[in-house]
Amino acid sequence: MRAEELKQIHRELAVAIEQQQRINQQISEGKISLAQLTAAYLELQCLIPLLQRVLPELERCSQVHRD
């Protein structure tokens, strides 16, 4: 995996975490519909753990291939 691809995955994870924080804020302010909340929740529940699990392994593989 190339360094650019790893950087893109890092960016996607950061965006997903920011989105999760915005949703939490909207929930606390009562400014989100149930449909929006459900869709965002389902997306983030899959995306964030996947990226967190895969990213370290991809980084290790990338380091091995560079050495």
N, C-alpha and C. Protein backbone atom coordinates (compact mmCIF):
# COMPACT_ATOMS: atom_id res chain seq x y z
N MET A 1 0.85 -1.17 0.00
CA MET A 1 0.00 0.00 0.00
C MET A 1 0.89 1.23 0.00
N ARG A 2 0.54 2.17 -0.83
CA ARG A 2 1.34 3.38 -0.97
C ARG A 2 1.04 4.36 0.17
N ALA A 3 2.00 5.24 0.39
CA ALA A 3 1.86 6.24 1.45
C ALA A 3 0.64 7.12 1.23
N GLU A 4 0.34 7.46 -0.04
CA GLU A 4 -0.83 8.30 -0.32
C GLU A 4 -2.12 7.59 0.09
N GLU A 5 -2.15 6.28 -0.14
CA GLU A 5 -3.35 5.52 0.23
C GLU A 5 -3.53 5.48 1.74
N LEU A 6 -2.43 5.32 2.46
CA LEU A 6 -2.51 5.34 3.93
C LEU A 6 -2.96 6.70 4.43
N LYS A 7 -2.45 7.75 3.82
CA LYS A 7 -2.87 9.10 4.21
C LYS A 7 -4.35 9.30 3.96
N GLN A 8 -4.85 8.76 2.85
CA GLN A 8 -6.27 8.87 2.53
C GLN A 8 -7.11 8.14 3.58
N ILE A 9 -6.67 6.98 4.00
CA ILE A 9 -7.40 6.24 5.03
C ILE A 9 -7.39 7.01 6.34
N HIS A 10 -6.25 7.61 6.68
CA HIS A 10 -6.18 8.45 7.88
C HIS A 10 -7.19 9.60 7.79
N ARG A 11 -7.25 10.24 6.62
CA ARG A 11 -8.20 11.35 6.43
C ARG A 11 -9.64 10.87 6.57
N GLU A 12 -9.95 9.71 5.99
CA GLU A 12 -11.30 9.18 6.08
C GLU A 12 -11.68 8.87 7.52
N LEU A 13 -10.75 8.33 8.28
CA LEU A 13 -11.01 8.07 9.68
C LEU A 13 -11.23 9.37 10.44
N ALA A 14 -10.41 10.38 10.18
CA ALA A 14 -10.57 11.67 10.84
C ALA A 14 -11.93 12.29 10.51
N VAL A 15 -12.33 12.20 9.25
CA VAL A 15 -13.63 12.74 8.83
C VAL A 15 -14.76 11.99 9.53
N ALA A 16 -14.65 10.68 9.61
CA ALA A 16 -15.69 9.88 10.26
C ALA A 16 -15.80 10.23 11.74
N ILE A 17 -14.68 10.42 12.39
CA ILE A 17 -14.69 10.79 13.81
C ILE A 17 -15.28 12.18 14.00
N GLU A 18 -14.93 13.12 13.12
CA GLU A 18 -15.53 14.46 13.18
C GLU A 18 -17.03 14.40 12.96
N GLN A 19 -17.45 13.57 12.03
CA GLN A 19 -18.89 13.42 11.77
C GLN A 19 -19.59 12.86 13.00
N GLN A 20 -18.96 11.89 13.63
CA GLN A 20 -19.53 11.32 14.85
C GLN A 20 -19.66 12.39 15.93
N GLN A 21 -18.68 13.25 16.06
CA GLN A 21 -18.73 14.32 17.06
C GLN A 21 -19.83 15.33 16.74
N ARG A 22 -19.99 15.67 15.45
CA ARG A 22 -21.07 16.59 15.05
C ARG A 22 -22.44 15.98 15.34
N ILE A 23 -22.57 14.71 15.07
CA ILE A 23 -23.84 14.03 15.34
C ILE A 23 -24.13 14.04 16.83
N ASN A 24 -23.12 13.76 17.64
CA ASN A 24 -23.30 13.80 19.09
C ASN A 24 -23.76 15.19 19.54
N GLN A 25 -23.17 16.23 18.95
CA GLN A 25 -23.56 17.60 19.28
C GLN A 25 -25.01 17.85 18.87
N GLN A 26 -25.38 17.43 17.65
CA GLN A 26 -26.75 17.62 17.18
C GLN A 26 -27.75 16.87 18.05
N ILE A 27 -27.36 15.70 18.52
CA ILE A 27 -28.23 14.93 19.40
C ILE A 27 -28.46 15.70 20.70
N SER A 28 -27.36 16.21 21.27
CA SER A 28 -27.49 16.92 22.54
C SER A 28 -28.30 18.20 22.40
N GLU A 29 -28.29 18.79 21.20
CA GLU A 29 -29.06 20.01 20.95
C GLU A 29 -30.46 19.71 20.41
N GLY A 30 -30.75 18.45 20.15
CA GLY A 30 -32.05 18.07 19.61
C GLY A 30 -32.26 18.54 18.18
N LYS A 31 -31.19 18.60 17.39
CA LYS A 31 -31.26 19.15 16.04
C LYS A 31 -31.04 18.09 14.96
N ILE A 32 -31.42 16.86 15.20
CA ILE A 32 -31.22 15.81 14.20
C ILE A 32 -32.46 14.94 14.15
N SER A 33 -32.87 14.59 12.95
CA SER A 33 -34.06 13.74 12.82
C SER A 33 -33.68 12.28 13.08
N LEU A 34 -34.67 11.49 13.39
CA LEU A 34 -34.43 10.08 13.65
C LEU A 34 -33.86 9.39 12.40
N ALA A 35 -34.35 9.73 11.23
CA ALA A 35 -33.85 9.12 9.99
C ALA A 35 -32.38 9.48 9.77
N GLN A 36 -32.02 10.75 9.99
CA GLN A 36 -30.63 11.18 9.83
C GLN A 36 -29.74 10.46 10.85
N LEU A 37 -30.21 10.40 12.05
CA LEU A 37 -29.46 9.76 13.12
C LEU A 37 -29.23 8.28 12.82
N THR A 38 -30.28 7.61 12.39
CA THR A 38 -30.17 6.18 12.10
C THR A 38 -29.17 5.93 10.97
N ALA A 39 -29.28 6.69 9.90
CA ALA A 39 -28.37 6.50 8.76
C ALA A 39 -26.92 6.77 9.15
N ALA A 40 -26.69 7.86 9.84
CA ALA A 40 -25.33 8.22 10.24
C ALA A 40 -24.77 7.20 11.23
N TYR A 41 -25.60 6.78 12.16
CA TYR A 41 -25.16 5.81 13.17
C TYR A 41 -24.73 4.51 12.51
N LEU A 42 -25.54 4.00 11.60
CA LEU A 42 -25.22 2.74 10.94
C LEU A 42 -23.93 2.86 10.13
N GLU A 43 -23.76 3.97 9.44
CA GLU A 43 -22.54 4.17 8.65
C GLU A 43 -21.31 4.22 9.54
N LEU A 44 -21.39 5.01 10.60
CA LEU A 44 -20.24 5.18 11.47
C LEU A 44 -19.93 3.93 12.28
N GLN A 45 -20.95 3.19 12.67
CA GLN A 45 -20.74 1.97 13.44
C GLN A 45 -19.95 0.95 12.64
N CYS A 46 -20.06 0.99 11.34
CA CYS A 46 -19.29 0.08 10.48
C CYS A 46 -17.94 0.67 10.11
N LEU A 47 -17.94 1.93 9.74
CA LEU A 47 -16.75 2.55 9.17
C LEU A 47 -15.63 2.76 10.18
N ILE A 48 -15.93 3.35 11.31
CA ILE A 48 -14.87 3.69 12.26
C ILE A 48 -14.15 2.45 12.79
N PRO A 49 -14.85 1.43 13.28
CA PRO A 49 -14.12 0.24 13.75
C PRO A 49 -13.31 -0.44 12.65
N LEU A 50 -13.86 -0.46 11.45
CA LEU A 50 -13.13 -1.06 10.33
C LEU A 50 -11.83 -0.32 10.08
N LEU A 51 -11.90 0.99 9.97
CA LEU A 51 -10.69 1.78 9.72
C LEU A 51 -9.70 1.65 10.87
N GLN A 52 -10.19 1.65 12.09
CA GLN A 52 -9.29 1.54 13.24
C GLN A 52 -8.61 0.18 13.29
N ARG A 53 -9.30 -0.85 12.85
CA ARG A 53 -8.74 -2.19 12.85
C ARG A 53 -7.75 -2.39 11.69
N VAL A 54 -8.09 -1.88 10.52
CA VAL A 54 -7.31 -2.13 9.32
C VAL A 54 -6.09 -1.22 9.22
N LEU A 55 -6.22 0.01 9.65
CA LEU A 55 -5.15 0.99 9.47
C LEU A 55 -3.82 0.55 10.09
N PRO A 56 -3.76 0.09 11.34
CA PRO A 56 -2.46 -0.32 11.89
C PRO A 56 -1.79 -1.43 11.08
N GLU A 57 -2.59 -2.39 10.62
CA GLU A 57 -2.03 -3.48 9.83
C GLU A 57 -1.49 -2.97 8.50
N LEU A 58 -2.23 -2.07 7.87
CA LEU A 58 -1.77 -1.50 6.61
C LEU A 58 -0.48 -0.71 6.80
N GLU A 59 -0.40 0.01 7.90
CA GLU A 59 0.82 0.78 8.18
C GLU A 59 2.01 -0.15 8.40
N ARG A 60 1.79 -1.25 9.12
CA ARG A 60 2.88 -2.22 9.34
C ARG A 60 3.35 -2.81 8.02
N CYS A 61 2.41 -3.19 7.18
CA CYS A 61 2.76 -3.75 5.86
C CYS A 61 3.52 -2.73 5.03
N SER A 62 3.10 -1.50 5.10
CA SER A 62 3.75 -0.44 4.34
C SER A 62 5.19 -0.26 4.81
N GLN A 63 5.41 -0.32 6.12
CA GLN A 63 6.76 -0.18 6.67
C GLN A 63 7.65 -1.33 6.22
N VAL A 64 7.12 -2.54 6.22
CA VAL A 64 7.89 -3.72 5.82
C VAL A 64 8.32 -3.60 4.36
N HIS A 65 7.42 -3.13 3.52
CA HIS A 65 7.73 -3.02 2.10
C HIS A 65 8.72 -1.89 1.80
N ARG A 66 8.77 -0.89 2.66
CA ARG A 66 9.71 0.21 2.45
C ARG A 66 11.13 -0.19 2.86
N ASP A 67 11.22 -1.08 3.84
CA ASP A 67 12.55 -1.48 4.37
C ASP A 67 13.30 -2.39 3.44
